[in-house]
Amino acid sequence: MKYFELTKEEEKLLSEFESGKFTSALDPKRKRLLKKIAQNTLNKTTNINIRLSEKVLARLKTKAADQGLPYQTLASSILHQYVNK
């Protein structure tokens, strides 16, 4: 069952891949980076509720804004770094 339409270029790539003729044009370093990005993108996330004081939340939002990040992303990053140390 097909859920999407492939362009002619995508069909060619798929055909080459399935026949074993496909070779990647990416250098190994770039390929590893893209693989890591894909794995991180596909990681499942779970929503949580947490109670913070208004002062802590305001400071978190300020620090996130300084870094150009959404505050929830910064909070997630801080927790990730903490549990992986």
N, C-alpha and C. Protein backbone atom coordinates (compact mmCIF):
# COMPACT_ATOMS: atom_id res chain seq x y z
N MET A 1 0.85 -1.17 0.00
CA MET A 1 0.00 0.00 0.00
C MET A 1 0.89 1.24 0.00
N LYS A 2 0.66 2.14 -0.91
CA LYS A 2 1.47 3.33 -1.07
C LYS A 2 0.76 4.52 -0.41
N TYR A 3 1.45 5.23 0.46
CA TYR A 3 0.85 6.35 1.18
C TYR A 3 1.29 7.69 0.63
N PHE A 4 2.19 7.70 -0.37
CA PHE A 4 2.71 8.95 -0.89
C PHE A 4 3.18 8.75 -2.32
N GLU A 5 3.33 9.83 -3.03
CA GLU A 5 3.81 9.77 -4.41
C GLU A 5 5.27 10.18 -4.44
N LEU A 6 6.07 9.45 -5.19
CA LEU A 6 7.48 9.77 -5.34
C LEU A 6 7.69 10.58 -6.61
N THR A 7 8.65 11.50 -6.55
CA THR A 7 9.03 12.21 -7.76
C THR A 7 9.86 11.27 -8.61
N LYS A 8 10.12 11.65 -9.85
CA LYS A 8 10.93 10.79 -10.73
C LYS A 8 12.33 10.61 -10.15
N GLU A 9 12.88 11.66 -9.57
CA GLU A 9 14.21 11.56 -8.97
C GLU A 9 14.19 10.60 -7.78
N GLU A 10 13.14 10.68 -6.94
CA GLU A 10 13.02 9.78 -5.80
C GLU A 10 12.83 8.33 -6.26
N GLU A 11 12.05 8.13 -7.32
CA GLU A 11 11.87 6.78 -7.86
C GLU A 11 13.19 6.20 -8.35
N LYS A 12 14.00 7.03 -9.01
CA LYS A 12 15.31 6.58 -9.49
C LYS A 12 16.21 6.19 -8.32
N LEU A 13 16.24 7.04 -7.29
CA LEU A 13 17.05 6.74 -6.10
C LEU A 13 16.59 5.44 -5.44
N LEU A 14 15.29 5.27 -5.30
CA LEU A 14 14.75 4.05 -4.69
C LEU A 14 15.13 2.82 -5.51
N SER A 15 15.00 2.92 -6.82
CA SER A 15 15.34 1.81 -7.70
C SER A 15 16.83 1.45 -7.57
N GLU A 16 17.69 2.47 -7.56
CA GLU A 16 19.13 2.23 -7.41
C GLU A 16 19.44 1.60 -6.05
N PHE A 17 18.76 2.08 -5.01
CA PHE A 17 18.99 1.55 -3.67
C PHE A 17 18.57 0.09 -3.59
N GLU A 18 17.37 -0.20 -4.08
CA GLU A 18 16.85 -1.56 -4.02
C GLU A 18 17.66 -2.55 -4.85
N SER A 19 18.29 -2.07 -5.93
CA SER A 19 19.09 -2.96 -6.78
C SER A 19 20.53 -3.07 -6.30
N GLY A 20 20.89 -2.28 -5.26
CA GLY A 20 22.25 -2.33 -4.73
C GLY A 20 23.23 -1.49 -5.51
N LYS A 21 22.74 -0.66 -6.42
CA LYS A 21 23.62 0.19 -7.25
C LYS A 21 23.82 1.58 -6.65
N PHE A 22 23.09 1.91 -5.59
CA PHE A 22 23.17 3.25 -5.00
C PHE A 22 24.48 3.42 -4.25
N THR A 23 25.15 4.53 -4.48
CA THR A 23 26.34 4.89 -3.70
C THR A 23 26.15 6.30 -3.19
N SER A 24 26.46 6.50 -1.95
CA SER A 24 26.28 7.80 -1.31
C SER A 24 27.35 8.77 -1.78
N ALA A 25 26.96 10.00 -2.03
CA ALA A 25 27.90 11.04 -2.41
C ALA A 25 28.42 11.78 -1.19
N LEU A 26 27.95 11.42 -0.01
CA LEU A 26 28.35 12.12 1.21
C LEU A 26 29.67 11.58 1.73
N ASP A 27 30.48 12.49 2.26
CA ASP A 27 31.70 12.03 2.92
C ASP A 27 31.30 11.39 4.25
N PRO A 28 32.10 10.47 4.77
CA PRO A 28 31.72 9.72 5.99
C PRO A 28 31.42 10.62 7.19
N LYS A 29 32.16 11.71 7.35
CA LYS A 29 31.93 12.60 8.50
C LYS A 29 30.54 13.23 8.41
N ARG A 30 30.18 13.73 7.23
CA ARG A 30 28.87 14.35 7.02
C ARG A 30 27.76 13.31 7.19
N LYS A 31 28.00 12.09 6.72
CA LYS A 31 27.02 11.02 6.84
C LYS A 31 26.75 10.69 8.30
N ARG A 32 27.82 10.63 9.12
CA ARG A 32 27.64 10.36 10.56
C ARG A 32 26.83 11.47 11.22
N LEU A 33 27.13 12.72 10.85
CA LEU A 33 26.40 13.85 11.42
C LEU A 33 24.92 13.76 11.08
N LEU A 34 24.61 13.52 9.82
CA LEU A 34 23.20 13.43 9.40
C LEU A 34 22.50 12.25 10.06
N LYS A 35 23.21 11.14 10.25
CA LYS A 35 22.62 9.98 10.91
C LYS A 35 22.28 10.32 12.36
N LYS A 36 23.19 11.04 13.03
CA LYS A 36 22.95 11.43 14.42
C LYS A 36 21.75 12.38 14.52
N ILE A 37 21.68 13.32 13.59
CA ILE A 37 20.55 14.26 13.57
C ILE A 37 19.24 13.51 13.37
N ALA A 38 19.24 12.54 12.45
CA ALA A 38 18.02 11.76 12.19
C ALA A 38 17.62 10.97 13.42
N GLN A 39 18.60 10.35 14.10
CA GLN A 39 18.28 9.58 15.30
C GLN A 39 17.70 10.47 16.38
N ASN A 40 18.28 11.65 16.57
CA ASN A 40 17.77 12.57 17.58
C ASN A 40 16.38 13.07 17.23
N THR A 41 16.13 13.25 15.95
CA THR A 41 14.81 13.70 15.50
C THR A 41 13.75 12.64 15.76
N LEU A 42 14.14 11.39 15.61
CA LEU A 42 13.18 10.31 15.76
C LEU A 42 12.98 9.84 17.19
N ASN A 43 13.79 10.36 18.12
CA ASN A 43 13.61 9.99 19.52
C ASN A 43 12.22 10.41 19.98
N LYS A 44 11.53 9.52 20.62
CA LYS A 44 10.20 9.85 21.12
C LYS A 44 10.32 10.70 22.38
N THR A 45 9.42 11.62 22.53
CA THR A 45 9.41 12.47 23.71
C THR A 45 8.11 12.24 24.48
N THR A 46 8.15 12.56 25.74
CA THR A 46 6.99 12.43 26.61
C THR A 46 6.77 13.77 27.30
N ASN A 47 5.53 14.20 27.34
CA ASN A 47 5.21 15.43 28.05
C ASN A 47 5.19 15.18 29.55
N ILE A 48 5.67 16.16 30.30
CA ILE A 48 5.61 16.09 31.76
C ILE A 48 5.06 17.40 32.29
N ASN A 49 4.56 17.37 33.49
CA ASN A 49 4.14 18.58 34.19
C ASN A 49 5.09 18.76 35.37
N ILE A 50 5.53 19.98 35.58
CA ILE A 50 6.45 20.26 36.67
C ILE A 50 6.07 21.60 37.28
N ARG A 51 6.13 21.67 38.59
CA ARG A 51 5.82 22.92 39.28
C ARG A 51 7.12 23.65 39.59
N LEU A 52 7.19 24.89 39.11
CA LEU A 52 8.35 25.75 39.36
C LEU A 52 7.86 27.06 39.94
N SER A 53 8.71 27.68 40.73
CA SER A 53 8.34 29.01 41.22
C SER A 53 8.34 29.97 40.04
N GLU A 54 7.58 31.03 40.15
CA GLU A 54 7.53 32.02 39.08
C GLU A 54 8.91 32.62 38.82
N LYS A 55 9.68 32.79 39.89
CA LYS A 55 11.02 33.36 39.76
C LYS A 55 11.93 32.44 38.94
N VAL A 56 11.89 31.14 39.24
CA VAL A 56 12.73 30.19 38.50
C VAL A 56 12.30 30.14 37.04
N LEU A 57 11.01 30.10 36.78
CA LEU A 57 10.52 30.06 35.41
C LEU A 57 10.91 31.33 34.65
N ALA A 58 10.79 32.48 35.29
CA ALA A 58 11.17 33.74 34.64
C ALA A 58 12.65 33.74 34.29
N ARG A 59 13.50 33.26 35.21
CA ARG A 59 14.94 33.21 34.94
C ARG A 59 15.26 32.21 33.84
N LEU A 60 14.55 31.08 33.82
CA LEU A 60 14.74 30.09 32.77
C LEU A 60 14.38 30.69 31.41
N LYS A 61 13.26 31.38 31.35
CA LYS A 61 12.84 32.01 30.10
C LYS A 61 13.84 33.07 29.64
N THR A 62 14.39 33.81 30.58
CA THR A 62 15.39 34.83 30.24
C THR A 62 16.64 34.19 29.66
N LYS A 63 17.13 33.14 30.33
CA LYS A 63 18.33 32.45 29.84
C LYS A 63 18.08 31.83 28.47
N ALA A 64 16.89 31.26 28.28
CA ALA A 64 16.55 30.66 26.99
C ALA A 64 16.53 31.73 25.90
N ALA A 65 15.94 32.87 26.20
CA ALA A 65 15.89 33.96 25.23
C ALA A 65 17.29 34.44 24.87
N ASP A 66 18.17 34.51 25.87
CA ASP A 66 19.56 34.92 25.63
C ASP A 66 20.26 33.96 24.66
N GLN A 67 19.88 32.69 24.72
CA GLN A 67 20.50 31.67 23.86
C GLN A 67 19.71 31.46 22.56
N GLY A 68 18.61 32.15 22.44
CA GLY A 68 17.79 32.01 21.23
C GLY A 68 17.05 30.69 21.16
N LEU A 69 16.66 30.16 22.32
CA LEU A 69 15.96 28.88 22.40
C LEU A 69 14.61 29.04 23.05
N PRO A 70 13.67 28.16 22.72
CA PRO A 70 12.44 28.10 23.52
C PRO A 70 12.79 27.61 24.93
N TYR A 71 12.11 28.12 25.94
CA TYR A 71 12.49 27.75 27.31
C TYR A 71 12.31 26.27 27.59
N GLN A 72 11.33 25.63 26.95
CA GLN A 72 11.13 24.20 27.18
C GLN A 72 12.29 23.39 26.59
N THR A 73 12.84 23.85 25.47
CA THR A 73 14.00 23.18 24.88
C THR A 73 15.20 23.31 25.80
N LEU A 74 15.39 24.49 26.37
CA LEU A 74 16.50 24.70 27.31
C LEU A 74 16.32 23.81 28.54
N ALA A 75 15.12 23.76 29.08
CA ALA A 75 14.86 22.91 30.26
C ALA A 75 15.15 21.44 29.94
N SER A 76 14.71 20.99 28.77
CA SER A 76 14.96 19.61 28.36
C SER A 76 16.46 19.35 28.21
N SER A 77 17.16 20.31 27.64
CA SER A 77 18.61 20.17 27.45
C SER A 77 19.33 20.09 28.79
N ILE A 78 18.93 20.93 29.73
CA ILE A 78 19.54 20.92 31.07
C ILE A 78 19.32 19.56 31.73
N LEU A 79 18.11 19.05 31.66
CA LEU A 79 17.81 17.74 32.26
C LEU A 79 18.59 16.63 31.56
N HIS A 80 18.66 16.71 30.25
CA HIS A 80 19.41 15.70 29.48
C HIS A 80 20.89 15.69 29.89
N GLN A 81 21.49 16.87 29.99
CA GLN A 81 22.89 16.97 30.39
C GLN A 81 23.08 16.42 31.82
N TYR A 82 22.18 16.73 32.70
CA TYR A 82 22.29 16.29 34.08
C TYR A 82 22.25 14.76 34.21
N VAL A 83 21.30 14.13 33.54
CA VAL A 83 21.17 12.68 33.69
C VAL A 83 22.25 11.91 32.92
N ASN A 84 22.91 12.55 31.98
CA ASN A 84 23.93 11.86 31.19
C ASN A 84 25.36 12.15 31.65
N LYS A 85 25.51 12.83 32.76
CA LYS A 85 26.86 13.10 33.29
C LYS A 85 27.33 11.96 34.14
